[in-house]
């Protein structure tokens, strides 16, 4: 959430792209399916995010949505080109999936329940 093209959350989007590509590569998901699921899901999350609070406060600009999508895509490309999945071990794979799914749920739930302070809902975050 922000108004600039790149902000404090850009690194998280970059890492999310790296993690999602790497985990699906590790799971032998075909490249086209991997790309479509990872980037498509992230795009849908960005499209459904609330950009303006009921009081008119701008939560996120179109530039920021574009920056988030771009950062996620660049992270995905880094993981794909560098084959980051080679560094995932059978001992860490479940933990990494837990982190990725938890991050996706957190981001989705904060939009579904925008007034919930425990989730840092979209309308509860102060600027």
Protein backbone atom coordinates (compact mmCIF):
# COMPACT_ATOMS: atom_id res chain seq x y z
CA UNK A 1 0.00 0.00 0.00
CA UNK A 2 1.44 3.30 -1.03
CA UNK A 3 1.37 6.18 -3.40
CA UNK A 4 4.83 5.90 -4.97
CA UNK A 5 5.88 3.58 -7.80
CA UNK A 6 8.29 1.83 -5.42
CA UNK A 7 7.94 1.88 -1.65
CA UNK A 8 8.68 -0.12 1.49
CA UNK A 9 6.57 -3.04 0.21
CA UNK A 10 8.48 -3.35 -3.10
CA UNK A 11 11.09 -5.67 -1.60
CA UNK A 12 8.32 -7.93 -0.27
CA UNK A 13 6.80 -8.18 -3.75
CA UNK A 14 10.22 -8.97 -5.23
CA UNK A 15 10.80 -11.70 -2.65
CA UNK A 16 7.27 -13.03 -3.17
CA UNK A 17 7.99 -13.42 -6.88
CA UNK A 18 11.26 -15.23 -6.16
CA UNK A 19 9.62 -17.53 -3.63
CA UNK A 20 6.58 -18.40 -5.73
CA UNK A 21 8.60 -19.20 -8.86
CA UNK A 22 11.19 -21.19 -6.93
CA UNK A 23 8.65 -23.30 -5.06
CA UNK A 24 6.75 -24.17 -8.21
CA UNK A 25 9.99 -24.95 -10.05
CA UNK A 26 10.98 -27.21 -7.15
CA UNK A 27 7.57 -28.91 -7.47
CA UNK A 28 8.17 -29.46 -11.23
CA UNK A 29 5.28 -27.25 -12.31
CA UNK A 30 5.65 -26.46 -16.05
CA UNK A 31 7.04 -22.99 -16.72
CA UNK A 32 3.95 -21.59 -18.44
CA UNK A 33 1.67 -22.86 -15.66
CA UNK A 34 4.10 -21.53 -13.04
CA UNK A 35 4.13 -18.09 -14.67
CA UNK A 36 0.36 -18.00 -15.11
CA UNK A 37 -0.46 -19.08 -11.56
CA UNK A 38 2.13 -16.92 -9.79
CA UNK A 39 1.82 -13.71 -11.77
CA UNK A 40 -1.89 -14.14 -12.48
CA UNK A 41 -2.73 -14.63 -8.82
CA UNK A 42 -0.61 -11.65 -7.82
CA UNK A 43 -2.22 -9.51 -10.52
CA UNK A 44 -5.70 -10.47 -9.29
CA UNK A 45 -4.77 -9.58 -5.72
CA UNK A 46 -3.48 -6.18 -6.87
CA UNK A 47 -6.65 -5.56 -8.93
CA UNK A 48 -8.94 -6.29 -5.97
CA UNK A 49 -7.05 -4.17 -3.44
CA UNK A 50 -8.91 -1.17 -2.17
CA UNK A 51 -7.27 2.03 -3.38
CA UNK A 52 -9.37 4.64 -1.54
CA UNK A 53 -10.72 4.47 2.01
CA UNK A 54 -14.35 5.46 2.70
CA UNK A 55 -13.12 8.78 4.11
CA UNK A 56 -11.46 9.58 0.76
CA UNK A 57 -7.89 8.90 1.90
CA UNK A 58 -5.83 7.47 -0.97
CA UNK A 59 -4.43 4.13 0.12
CA UNK A 60 -2.74 3.07 -3.09
CA UNK A 61 -2.21 4.71 -6.46
CA UNK A 62 -2.18 3.10 -9.89
CA UNK A 63 1.56 3.80 -10.03
CA UNK A 64 2.04 1.78 -6.86
CA UNK A 65 -0.02 -1.12 -8.21
CA UNK A 66 2.18 -1.11 -11.33
CA UNK A 67 5.33 -1.00 -9.21
CA UNK A 68 4.12 -3.94 -7.10
CA UNK A 69 3.26 -6.01 -10.18
CA UNK A 70 6.59 -5.13 -11.79
CA UNK A 71 8.58 -6.01 -8.66
CA UNK A 72 6.80 -9.37 -8.34
CA UNK A 73 7.45 -10.12 -12.03
CA UNK A 74 11.13 -9.18 -11.73
CA UNK A 75 11.43 -11.45 -8.70
CA UNK A 76 9.80 -14.27 -10.64
CA UNK A 77 12.24 -13.73 -13.54
CA UNK A 78 15.26 -13.66 -11.21
CA UNK A 79 14.21 -16.99 -9.68
CA UNK A 80 13.54 -18.51 -13.10
CA UNK A 81 16.79 -17.37 -14.71
CA UNK A 82 19.02 -18.15 -11.71
CA UNK A 83 17.18 -21.42 -10.91
CA UNK A 84 16.85 -20.48 -7.25
CA UNK A 85 14.88 -23.70 -6.72
CA UNK A 86 18.24 -25.54 -6.59
CA UNK A 87 18.75 -24.05 -3.13
CA UNK A 88 15.47 -25.34 -1.71
CA UNK A 89 15.90 -28.49 0.35
CA UNK A 90 13.37 -31.14 1.26
CA UNK A 91 13.66 -29.91 4.86
CA UNK A 92 12.81 -26.29 4.00
CA UNK A 93 10.18 -26.71 1.30
CA UNK A 94 7.19 -27.03 3.65
CA UNK A 95 8.28 -24.02 5.71
CA UNK A 96 8.70 -21.94 2.54
CA UNK A 97 5.23 -22.96 1.26
CA UNK A 98 3.83 -22.00 4.67
CA UNK A 99 5.47 -18.56 4.39
CA UNK A 100 4.18 -18.01 0.84
CA UNK A 101 0.61 -19.17 1.52
CA UNK A 102 0.56 -17.19 4.79
CA UNK A 103 1.64 -14.04 2.96
CA UNK A 104 -1.03 -14.53 0.28
CA UNK A 105 -3.72 -15.12 2.92
CA UNK A 106 -2.66 -12.09 4.93
CA UNK A 107 -2.77 -9.83 1.89
CA UNK A 108 -6.12 -11.22 0.76
CA UNK A 109 -7.80 -11.14 4.19
CA UNK A 110 -6.80 -7.53 4.83
CA UNK A 111 -8.83 -6.60 1.76
CA UNK A 112 -11.81 -8.83 2.58
CA UNK A 113 -11.95 -7.48 6.15
CA UNK A 114 -10.77 -3.87 5.67
CA UNK A 115 -11.91 -2.70 9.15
CA UNK A 116 -10.20 -5.48 11.14
CA UNK A 117 -7.26 -3.99 13.08
CA UNK A 118 -5.78 -7.42 13.92
CA UNK A 119 -5.28 -8.04 10.19
CA UNK A 120 -4.11 -4.47 9.60
CA UNK A 121 -7.12 -4.10 7.37
CA UNK A 122 -6.95 -1.76 4.40
CA UNK A 123 -8.93 0.95 6.19
CA UNK A 124 -7.13 0.62 9.53
CA UNK A 125 -3.60 1.41 8.38
CA UNK A 126 -2.68 4.95 9.34
CA UNK A 127 -0.41 7.04 7.18
